[in-house]
Structure formats: structure tokens, C-alpha cells
Amino acid sequence: QVQLVESGGGLVQAGGSLRLSCVASGRSFTFSNYAMGWFRQAPGKEREFVVVINRSGGTYYAGSVKGRFTVSRDNAKNTVYLQMNSLKPEDTAIYYCAADEAPDRRSKYARDYDYWGQGTQVTVSS
């Protein structure tokens, strides 16, 4: 089993920045064998794709965050990061990280991810 734990959420003013972290762990778990995605869910809305980074560092961003958010991973620390700049009120959501057992894939579909964290709240005030 794989455990994913997000952190770094909080309250920030519009135009500000936050950095989210997601630490992965588990028995016989090899972080570099997973593509890692970030999704978010705003109140009353469906969960939506934000970004994915595969094991070789290839990325795919949602159009709404491209140019403002940056994903990275540190395989030695079993951690994926999401640097969020120029935040907008519409970025307010619970942010989830997820692990895909297909390490080279860059999927935007939640159904392709095998493990999920509990989420961290990001609130952007106007």
C-alpha cells in the first residue's frame, strides 16, 4: 500500500504564492516508479486535473495554471512539489496528490491514478 501526505496549504491573498508538498511512502514502494499528479476540487465542483510529472520529469499542465504553477519531484526524498505563484481566488480548492503506477504516463484523468492523498486546503482571498 502507498500513503500520500500533502502539506503546505493555507490562506493567501490574491497574487501570492504557496508551495505544496506531497510525501509518498509504503512497503516496497519505489517513488521513481510512479508518475505523480496534482488535482484540485473546489466546493460544489468536480475534481479537476492540475498537473502531472512522470518519472523522467516530463510534465503536463492544465491550461488554467500553465505559467503560474510549477511541478517538481525529488526522488531521493519521495516528494513531489507544487509551486503556485500569482494565485487567484479561483484557485481556491482542496489540492490532492495522486500516484499513477504507469511511470511514463502523463494522464489528466483521475481514473488513471491508483493512490490518493487526503488533500490540503488552499484558500485565496481577493
Foldseek 3Di string as FASTA:
>chain_A
DKAKAKDWADEEAAQAKIKMKIAMDDVVDQLLQWKKFKWWDDPPGDIFGAKIAASVGDMDGDPVQPPFWDWDDDRVRRMIMIIGGRDDQVVWTWMKMFIASNRVDTDGDPVRTDDIYPTDTHGYHD
